[in-house]
Amino acid sequence: MGRAFEFRKARKMKRWSAMAKTFTRIGKDIVMAVKEGGPNPETNSRLRAVIQNAKAANMPKDNVERAIKKASDKDTANYKEVLFEGYAPHGVAIIVETATNNNNRTVANVRAAFNKCDGNLGTSGSVVFMFDHTCNFTVKKEDITIDMEELELELIDFDVEEVFDDEEGIIIYAPFEQFGAIQSFFEENNVEIISSGFERIPTSTTKLEGDQQADVEKLLEKLEDDDDVQNVYHSMVTE
């Protein structure tokens, strides 16, 4: 298995256990999708993807419908996606993805987290090149009628990097910019997309142990606890 498989396995072991936090993140994704492309998932591919993810996270249908209705209100503020880059202690690279309706608050909170945990908030472009920006899809196994090698060949025009069988379904990783084309391919071929999304996979990793690993974990937890933070990616090996 390749880097995407190992990366996904490590993240599954991690801290996405707080259901309320997950629902909050999905709610923001719904607002941004509706503001960008309207409230009809039939004509808004980004919203379709978010609804799939909400279903995969067991978010109640009523919650999703309320979020779409609220996002459709012109008085509902949109969220802006802002990326932060920096280093944790011991040279671990970090990317923080945020969705905010108050950039000054978010900048202050992220900077404070880095400062309190002996990290360094960097400038734009300082670490993003150390991560591959990927898209991923989990699709229903029963809808795939060919074996994995044949599926990879079918997807070769989309520059797919990895395809593997997981307990959740068949998982596909590809470059970020191929998201729309792959989404359309599965929809046109009546393959159910269970969930989809984007991730940043480090091109190289740093292995730490003991107190050094704890130092980095402290910063990661502080960042992930912030309401404006959607995702945190880092280059530390997690097992």
C-alpha atoms as a PDB file:
ATOM      1  CA  MET A   1       0.000   0.000   0.000  1.00  0.00           C
ATOM      2  CA  GLY A   2       1.097   3.568  -0.652  1.00  0.00           C
ATOM      3  CA  ARG A   3       1.316   6.845   1.224  1.00  0.00           C
ATOM      4  CA  ALA A   4      -2.394   7.627   0.967  1.00  0.00           C
ATOM      5  CA  PHE A   5      -3.321   4.302   2.548  1.00  0.00           C
ATOM      6  CA  GLU A   6      -0.919   4.792   5.474  1.00  0.00           C
ATOM      7  CA  PHE A   7      -1.991   8.412   5.911  1.00  0.00           C
ATOM      8  CA  ARG A   8      -5.672   7.461   5.999  1.00  0.00           C
ATOM      9  CA  LYS A   9      -5.051   4.639   8.463  1.00  0.00           C
ATOM     10  CA  ALA A  10      -3.244   7.020  10.821  1.00  0.00           C
ATOM     11  CA  ARG A  11      -5.998   9.656  10.623  1.00  0.00           C
ATOM     12  CA  LYS A  12      -8.703   7.072  11.305  1.00  0.00           C
ATOM     13  CA  MET A  13      -6.961   6.320  14.591  1.00  0.00           C
ATOM     14  CA  LYS A  14      -7.143   9.980  15.515  1.00  0.00           C
ATOM     15  CA  ARG A  15      -9.399  12.479  17.076  1.00  0.00           C
ATOM     16  CA  TRP A  16     -12.509  12.929  14.952  1.00  0.00           C
ATOM     17  CA  SER A  17     -14.592  11.480  17.748  1.00  0.00           C
ATOM     18  CA  ALA A  18     -16.415  14.666  18.765  1.00  0.00           C
ATOM     19  CA  MET A  19     -19.646  14.342  16.785  1.00  0.00           C
ATOM     20  CA  ALA A  20     -20.815  17.879  17.534  1.00  0.00           C
ATOM     21  CA  LYS A  21     -17.547  19.263  16.132  1.00  0.00           C
ATOM     22  CA  THR A  22     -17.937  17.164  12.990  1.00  0.00           C
ATOM     23  CA  PHE A  23     -21.473  18.453  12.476  1.00  0.00           C
ATOM     24  CA  THR A  24     -20.266  22.039  12.925  1.00  0.00           C
ATOM     25  CA  ARG A  25     -17.639  21.532  10.231  1.00  0.00           C
ATOM     26  CA  ILE A  26     -20.168  20.025   7.846  1.00  0.00           C
ATOM     27  CA  GLY A  27     -22.564  22.902   8.581  1.00  0.00           C
ATOM     28  CA  LYS A  28     -19.921  25.398   7.475  1.00  0.00           C
ATOM     29  CA  ASP A  29     -19.237  23.340   4.352  1.00  0.00           C
ATOM     30  CA  ILE A  30     -22.966  23.491   3.545  1.00  0.00           C
ATOM     31  CA  VAL A  31     -23.039  27.287   3.912  1.00  0.00           C
ATOM     32  CA  MET A  32     -20.024  27.718   1.621  1.00  0.00           C
ATOM     33  CA  ALA A  33     -21.439  25.283  -0.952  1.00  0.00           C
ATOM     34  CA  VAL A  34     -24.872  26.956  -1.013  1.00  0.00           C
ATOM     35  CA  LYS A  35     -23.427  30.474  -1.205  1.00  0.00           C
ATOM     36  CA  GLU A  36     -21.229  29.351  -4.097  1.00  0.00           C
ATOM     37  CA  GLY A  37     -23.661  27.297  -6.165  1.00  0.00           C
ATOM     38  CA  GLY A  38     -27.190  27.552  -4.758  1.00  0.00           C
ATOM     39  CA  PRO A  39     -29.346  25.275  -2.572  1.00  0.00           C
ATOM     40  CA  ASN A  40     -30.229  22.614  -5.168  1.00  0.00           C
ATOM     41  CA  PRO A  41     -27.875  19.605  -4.930  1.00  0.00           C
ATOM     42  CA  GLU A  42     -28.956  18.468  -8.407  1.00  0.00           C
ATOM     43  CA  THR A  43     -27.201  21.477  -9.925  1.00  0.00           C
ATOM     44  CA  ASN A  44     -24.567  22.052  -7.215  1.00  0.00           C
ATOM     45  CA  SER A  45     -21.908  19.351  -7.242  1.00  0.00           C
ATOM     46  CA  ARG A  46     -20.126  20.760  -4.206  1.00  0.00           C
ATOM     47  CA  LEU A  47     -23.327  20.633  -2.171  1.00  0.00           C
ATOM     48  CA  ARG A  48     -23.969  17.051  -3.329  1.00  0.00           C
ATOM     49  CA  ALA A  49     -20.567  16.083  -1.996  1.00  0.00           C
ATOM     50  CA  VAL A  50     -21.188  17.760   1.370  1.00  0.00           C
ATOM     51  CA  ILE A  51     -24.571  16.033   1.730  1.00  0.00           C
ATOM     52  CA  GLN A  52     -22.895  12.678   1.039  1.00  0.00           C
ATOM     53  CA  ASN A  53     -20.348  13.427   3.757  1.00  0.00           C
ATOM     54  CA  ALA A  54     -23.106  14.449   6.178  1.00  0.00           C
ATOM     55  CA  LYS A  55     -24.852  11.137   5.567  1.00  0.00           C
ATOM     56  CA  ALA A  56     -21.588   9.216   6.092  1.00  0.00           C
ATOM     57  CA  ALA A  57     -21.102  11.058   9.403  1.00  0.00           C
ATOM     58  CA  ASN A  58     -24.660  10.110  10.491  1.00  0.00           C
ATOM     59  CA  MET A  59     -25.740  13.749  10.555  1.00  0.00           C
ATOM     60  CA  PRO A  60     -29.559  13.776  10.803  1.00  0.00           C
ATOM     61  CA  LYS A  61     -31.368  14.673   7.591  1.00  0.00           C
ATOM     62  CA  ASP A  62     -33.291  17.419   9.424  1.00  0.00           C
ATOM     63  CA  ASN A  63     -30.008  19.052  10.434  1.00  0.00           C
ATOM     64  CA  VAL A  64     -28.825  19.029   6.830  1.00  0.00           C
ATOM     65  CA  GLU A  65     -32.070  20.525   5.520  1.00  0.00           C
ATOM     66  CA  ARG A  66     -32.019  23.229   8.205  1.00  0.00           C
ATOM     67  CA  ALA A  67     -28.441  24.102   7.345  1.00  0.00           C
ATOM     68  CA  ILE A  68     -29.283  24.402   3.634  1.00  0.00           C
ATOM     69  CA  LYS A  69     -32.308  26.590   4.400  1.00  0.00           C
ATOM     70  CA  LYS A  70     -30.275  28.807   6.725  1.00  0.00           C
ATOM     71  CA  ALA A  71     -27.458  29.101   4.172  1.00  0.00           C
ATOM     72  CA  SER A  72     -29.988  30.199   1.540  1.00  0.00           C
ATOM     73  CA  ASP A  73     -30.911  33.242   3.658  1.00  0.00           C
ATOM     74  CA  LYS A  74     -29.111  36.266   2.242  1.00  0.00           C
ATOM     75  CA  ASP A  75     -28.567  37.540   5.800  1.00  0.00           C
ATOM     76  CA  THR A  76     -26.506  34.466   6.704  1.00  0.00           C
ATOM     77  CA  ALA A  77     -22.839  35.390   6.602  1.00  0.00           C
ATOM     78  CA  ASN A  78     -20.607  33.344   4.345  1.00  0.00           C
ATOM     79  CA  TYR A  79     -17.422  31.714   5.552  1.00  0.00           C
ATOM     80  CA  LYS A  80     -14.068  32.416   3.973  1.00  0.00           C
ATOM     81  CA  GLU A  81     -11.543  29.618   3.620  1.00  0.00           C
ATOM     82  CA  VAL A  82      -8.150  30.695   4.979  1.00  0.00           C
ATOM     83  CA  LEU A  83      -4.994  28.573   5.056  1.00  0.00           C
ATOM     84  CA  PHE A  84      -2.279  28.898   7.714  1.00  0.00           C
ATOM     85  CA  GLU A  85       1.185  27.374   7.551  1.00  0.00           C
ATOM     86  CA  GLY A  86       3.868  26.939  10.151  1.00  0.00           C
ATOM     87  CA  TYR A  87       6.024  24.682  12.260  1.00  0.00           C
ATOM     88  CA  ALA A  88       5.361  22.875  15.491  1.00  0.00           C
ATOM     89  CA  PRO A  89       8.265  22.264  17.855  1.00  0.00           C
ATOM     90  CA  HIS A  90      10.992  19.890  16.608  1.00  0.00           C
ATOM     91  CA  GLY A  91      10.592  20.883  12.962  1.00  0.00           C
ATOM     92  CA  VAL A  92       7.176  19.364  12.252  1.00  0.00           C
ATOM     93  CA  ALA A  93       5.409  21.130   9.374  1.00  0.00           C
ATOM     94  CA  ILE A  94       1.748  22.065   9.904  1.00  0.00           C
ATOM     95  CA  ILE A  95      -1.056  23.261   7.632  1.00  0.00           C
ATOM     96  CA  VAL A  96      -4.252  24.588   9.214  1.00  0.00           C
ATOM     97  CA  GLU A  97      -7.404  24.892   7.095  1.00  0.00           C
ATOM     98  CA  THR A  98      -9.991  27.280   8.511  1.00  0.00           C
ATOM     99  CA  ALA A  99     -13.456  28.518   7.582  1.00  0.00           C
ATOM    100  CA  THR A 100     -14.154  31.870   9.168  1.00  0.00           C
ATOM    101  CA  ASN A 101     -16.572  34.786   9.174  1.00  0.00           C
ATOM    102  CA  ASN A 102     -14.123  36.877  11.205  1.00  0.00           C
ATOM    103  CA  ASN A 103     -10.598  36.750   9.834  1.00  0.00           C
ATOM    104  CA  ASN A 104      -9.072  38.903  12.581  1.00  0.00           C
ATOM    105  CA  ARG A 105     -10.353  36.511  15.258  1.00  0.00           C
ATOM    106  CA  THR A 106      -9.084  33.459  13.408  1.00  0.00           C
ATOM    107  CA  VAL A 107      -5.636  34.900  12.753  1.00  0.00           C
ATOM    108  CA  ALA A 108      -5.296  35.891  16.414  1.00  0.00           C
ATOM    109  CA  ASN A 109      -6.404  32.468  17.681  1.00  0.00           C
ATOM    110  CA  VAL A 110      -4.153  30.485  15.344  1.00  0.00           C
ATOM    111  CA  ARG A 111      -1.145  32.705  16.110  1.00  0.00           C
ATOM    112  CA  ALA A 112      -1.800  32.370  19.857  1.00  0.00           C
ATOM    113  CA  ALA A 113      -1.915  28.577  19.584  1.00  0.00           C
ATOM    114  CA  PHE A 114       1.455  28.465  17.808  1.00  0.00           C
ATOM    115  CA  ASN A 115       3.021  30.912  20.262  1.00  0.00           C
ATOM    116  CA  LYS A 116       1.745  29.135  23.390  1.00  0.00           C
ATOM    117  CA  CYS A 117       3.039  25.785  22.182  1.00  0.00           C
ATOM    118  CA  ASP A 118       6.494  26.968  21.039  1.00  0.00           C
ATOM    119  CA  GLY A 119       5.608  26.733  17.364  1.00  0.00           C
ATOM    120  CA  ASN A 120       6.170  29.245  14.587  1.00  0.00           C
ATOM    121  CA  LEU A 121       3.410  30.573  12.345  1.00  0.00           C
ATOM    122  CA  GLY A 122       4.924  30.981   8.889  1.00  0.00           C
ATOM    123  CA  THR A 123       4.138  32.988   5.797  1.00  0.00           C
ATOM    124  CA  SER A 124       2.041  31.817   2.862  1.00  0.00           C
ATOM    125  CA  GLY A 125       3.928  29.155   0.908  1.00  0.00           C
ATOM    126  CA  SER A 126       6.358  28.312   3.695  1.00  0.00           C
ATOM    127  CA  VAL A 127       5.297  24.662   4.109  1.00  0.00           C
ATOM    128  CA  VAL A 128       2.426  23.989   1.685  1.00  0.00           C
ATOM    129  CA  PHE A 129       4.896  22.644  -0.891  1.00  0.00           C
ATOM    130  CA  MET A 130       5.744  19.823   1.551  1.00  0.00           C
ATOM    131  CA  PHE A 131       2.249  18.342   1.164  1.00  0.00           C
ATOM    132  CA  ASP A 132       0.430  16.802  -1.799  1.00  0.00           C
ATOM    133  CA  HIS A 133      -3.078  18.252  -2.104  1.00  0.00           C
ATOM    134  CA  THR A 134      -5.325  15.285  -2.930  1.00  0.00           C
ATOM    135  CA  CYS A 135      -8.978  14.460  -3.384  1.00  0.00           C
ATOM    136  CA  ASN A 136     -10.492  11.183  -2.245  1.00  0.00           C
ATOM    137  CA  PHE A 137     -13.670   9.206  -2.767  1.00  0.00           C
ATOM    138  CA  THR A 138     -15.179   6.301  -0.889  1.00  0.00           C
ATOM    139  CA  VAL A 139     -17.582   4.423  -3.146  1.00  0.00           C
ATOM    140  CA  LYS A 140     -19.937   1.515  -2.572  1.00  0.00           C
ATOM    141  CA  LYS A 141     -18.219  -1.839  -3.127  1.00  0.00           C
ATOM    142  CA  GLU A 142     -21.326  -3.478  -4.528  1.00  0.00           C
ATOM    143  CA  ASP A 143     -21.435  -0.927  -7.359  1.00  0.00           C
ATOM    144  CA  ILE A 144     -17.929  -1.857  -8.553  1.00  0.00           C
ATOM    145  CA  THR A 145     -18.229  -4.850 -10.863  1.00  0.00           C
ATOM    146  CA  ILE A 146     -14.551  -5.078 -11.852  1.00  0.00           C
ATOM    147  CA  ASP A 147     -11.426  -5.886  -9.862  1.00  0.00           C
ATOM    148  CA  MET A 148      -9.080  -3.287  -8.419  1.00  0.00           C
ATOM    149  CA  GLU A 149      -6.543  -3.408 -11.246  1.00  0.00           C
ATOM    150  CA  GLU A 150      -9.267  -2.916 -13.847  1.00  0.00           C
ATOM    151  CA  LEU A 151     -10.712  -0.059 -11.813  1.00  0.00           C
ATOM    152  CA  GLU A 152      -7.312   1.639 -11.723  1.00  0.00           C
ATOM    153  CA  LEU A 153      -7.109   1.316 -15.513  1.00  0.00           C
ATOM    154  CA  GLU A 154     -10.603   2.796 -15.851  1.00  0.00           C
ATOM    155  CA  LEU A 155      -9.475   5.787 -13.782  1.00  0.00           C
ATOM    156  CA  ILE A 156      -6.044   6.230 -15.365  1.00  0.00           C
ATOM    157  CA  ASP A 157      -7.137   9.334 -17.295  1.00  0.00           C
ATOM    158  CA  PHE A 158      -7.855  11.031 -13.951  1.00  0.00           C
ATOM    159  CA  ASP A 159      -4.275  10.527 -12.710  1.00  0.00           C
ATOM    160  CA  VAL A 160      -5.551   8.360  -9.840  1.00  0.00           C
ATOM    161  CA  GLU A 161      -2.697   7.628  -7.442  1.00  0.00           C
ATOM    162  CA  GLU A 162      -4.103   4.881  -5.219  1.00  0.00           C
ATOM    163  CA  VAL A 163      -7.117   2.572  -5.107  1.00  0.00           C
ATOM    164  CA  PHE A 164      -7.670   0.272  -2.146  1.00  0.00           C
ATOM    165  CA  ASP A 165     -10.329  -1.799  -0.450  1.00  0.00           C
ATOM    166  CA  ASP A 166     -11.373  -0.600   2.995  1.00  0.00           C
ATOM    167  CA  GLU A 167     -14.095  -1.673   5.414  1.00  0.00           C
ATOM    168  CA  GLU A 168     -15.979   1.523   4.498  1.00  0.00           C
ATOM    169  CA  GLY A 169     -15.839   0.865   0.745  1.00  0.00           C
ATOM    170  CA  ILE A 170     -13.486   1.263  -2.206  1.00  0.00           C
ATOM    171  CA  ILE A 171     -11.251   4.293  -1.666  1.00  0.00           C
ATOM    172  CA  ILE A 172      -9.693   6.328  -4.452  1.00  0.00           C
ATOM    173  CA  TYR A 173      -7.004   9.007  -4.124  1.00  0.00           C
ATOM    174  CA  ALA A 174      -6.168  11.444  -6.929  1.00  0.00           C
ATOM    175  CA  PRO A 175      -4.798  14.976  -7.408  1.00  0.00           C
ATOM    176  CA  PHE A 176      -6.952  17.776  -5.992  1.00  0.00           C
ATOM    177  CA  GLU A 177      -7.834  19.217  -9.391  1.00  0.00           C
ATOM    178  CA  GLN A 178      -9.402  15.940 -10.578  1.00  0.00           C
ATOM    179  CA  PHE A 179     -12.244  16.054  -8.023  1.00  0.00           C
ATOM    180  CA  GLY A 180     -15.004  17.257 -10.348  1.00  0.00           C
ATOM    181  CA  ALA A 181     -14.109  14.877 -13.176  1.00  0.00           C
ATOM    182  CA  ILE A 182     -14.009  11.827 -10.884  1.00  0.00           C
ATOM    183  CA  GLN A 183     -17.269  12.819  -9.183  1.00  0.00           C
ATOM    184  CA  SER A 184     -18.933  13.039 -12.599  1.00  0.00           C
ATOM    185  CA  PHE A 185     -17.440   9.684 -13.689  1.00  0.00           C
ATOM    186  CA  PHE A 186     -18.942   7.820 -10.727  1.00  0.00           C
ATOM    187  CA  GLU A 187     -22.303   9.574 -11.011  1.00  0.00           C
ATOM    188  CA  GLU A 188     -22.539   8.829 -14.739  1.00  0.00           C
ATOM    189  CA  ASN A 189     -21.720   5.160 -14.081  1.00  0.00           C
ATOM    190  CA  ASN A 190     -24.273   4.844 -11.254  1.00  0.00           C
ATOM    191  CA  VAL A 191     -21.627   4.192  -8.610  1.00  0.00           C
ATOM    192  CA  GLU A 192     -22.784   5.459  -5.215  1.00  0.00           C
ATOM    193  CA  ILE A 193     -20.338   7.888  -3.604  1.00  0.00           C
ATOM    194  CA  ILE A 194     -20.433   7.279   0.142  1.00  0.00           C
ATOM    195  CA  SER A 195     -18.180  10.213   0.977  1.00  0.00           C
ATOM    196  CA  SER A 196     -15.549  12.418  -0.620  1.00  0.00           C
ATOM    197  CA  GLY A 197     -13.159  15.140   0.383  1.00  0.00           C
ATOM    198  CA  PHE A 198      -9.725  16.666   0.232  1.00  0.00           C
ATOM    199  CA  GLU A 199      -6.590  15.947   2.217  1.00  0.00           C
ATOM    200  CA  ARG A 200      -2.994  17.109   2.346  1.00  0.00           C
ATOM    201  CA  ILE A 201      -0.511  14.255   2.562  1.00  0.00           C
ATOM    202  CA  PRO A 202       3.055  15.068   3.673  1.00  0.00           C
ATOM    203  CA  THR A 203       5.729  14.180   1.123  1.00  0.00           C
ATOM    204  CA  SER A 204       8.139  13.358   3.965  1.00  0.00           C
ATOM    205  CA  THR A 205       7.580  12.734   7.657  1.00  0.00           C
ATOM    206  CA  THR A 206       9.325  13.271  10.984  1.00  0.00           C
ATOM    207  CA  LYS A 207       9.330  10.553  13.629  1.00  0.00           C
ATOM    208  CA  LEU A 208       9.278  11.783  17.229  1.00  0.00           C
ATOM    209  CA  GLU A 209       8.915   9.968  20.524  1.00  0.00           C
ATOM    210  CA  GLY A 210       8.087  10.699  24.145  1.00  0.00           C
ATOM    211  CA  ASP A 211       8.100  14.327  25.232  1.00  0.00           C
ATOM    212  CA  GLN A 212       8.857  15.627  21.752  1.00  0.00           C
ATOM    213  CA  GLN A 213       5.772  13.945  20.311  1.00  0.00           C
ATOM    214  CA  ALA A 214       3.717  15.252  23.241  1.00  0.00           C
ATOM    215  CA  ASP A 215       4.910  18.795  22.469  1.00  0.00           C
ATOM    216  CA  VAL A 216       3.538  18.535  18.940  1.00  0.00           C
ATOM    217  CA  GLU A 217       0.310  16.838  20.069  1.00  0.00           C
ATOM    218  CA  LYS A 218      -0.327  19.741  22.435  1.00  0.00           C
ATOM    219  CA  LEU A 219      -0.292  22.214  19.532  1.00  0.00           C
ATOM    220  CA  LEU A 220      -2.398  19.956  17.292  1.00  0.00           C
ATOM    221  CA  GLU A 221      -5.059  19.593  19.981  1.00  0.00           C
ATOM    222  CA  LYS A 222      -5.164  23.337  20.651  1.00  0.00           C
ATOM    223  CA  LEU A 223      -5.615  24.066  16.948  1.00  0.00           C
ATOM    224  CA  GLU A 224      -8.252  21.370  16.425  1.00  0.00           C
ATOM    225  CA  ASP A 225     -10.259  22.646  19.389  1.00  0.00           C
ATOM    226  CA  ASP A 226     -10.702  26.040  17.704  1.00  0.00           C
ATOM    227  CA  ASP A 227     -14.193  26.462  16.210  1.00  0.00           C
ATOM    228  CA  ASP A 228     -12.813  28.118  13.073  1.00  0.00           C
ATOM    229  CA  VAL A 229     -10.474  25.219  12.265  1.00  0.00           C
ATOM    230  CA  GLN A 230     -11.735  22.681   9.738  1.00  0.00           C
ATOM    231  CA  ASN A 231      -8.638  20.489   9.332  1.00  0.00           C
ATOM    232  CA  VAL A 232      -5.084  20.248  10.610  1.00  0.00           C
ATOM    233  CA  TYR A 233      -2.387  18.388   8.665  1.00  0.00           C
ATOM    234  CA  HIS A 234       1.165  17.731   9.839  1.00  0.00           C
ATOM    235  CA  SER A 235       4.317  15.861   8.932  1.00  0.00           C
ATOM    236  CA  MET A 236       4.768  13.930  12.178  1.00  0.00           C
ATOM    237  CA  VAL A 237       4.544  10.148  12.014  1.00  0.00           C
ATOM    238  CA  THR A 238       1.485   8.897  13.938  1.00  0.00           C
ATOM    239  CA  GLU A 239       1.025   5.219  14.678  1.00  0.00           C
END
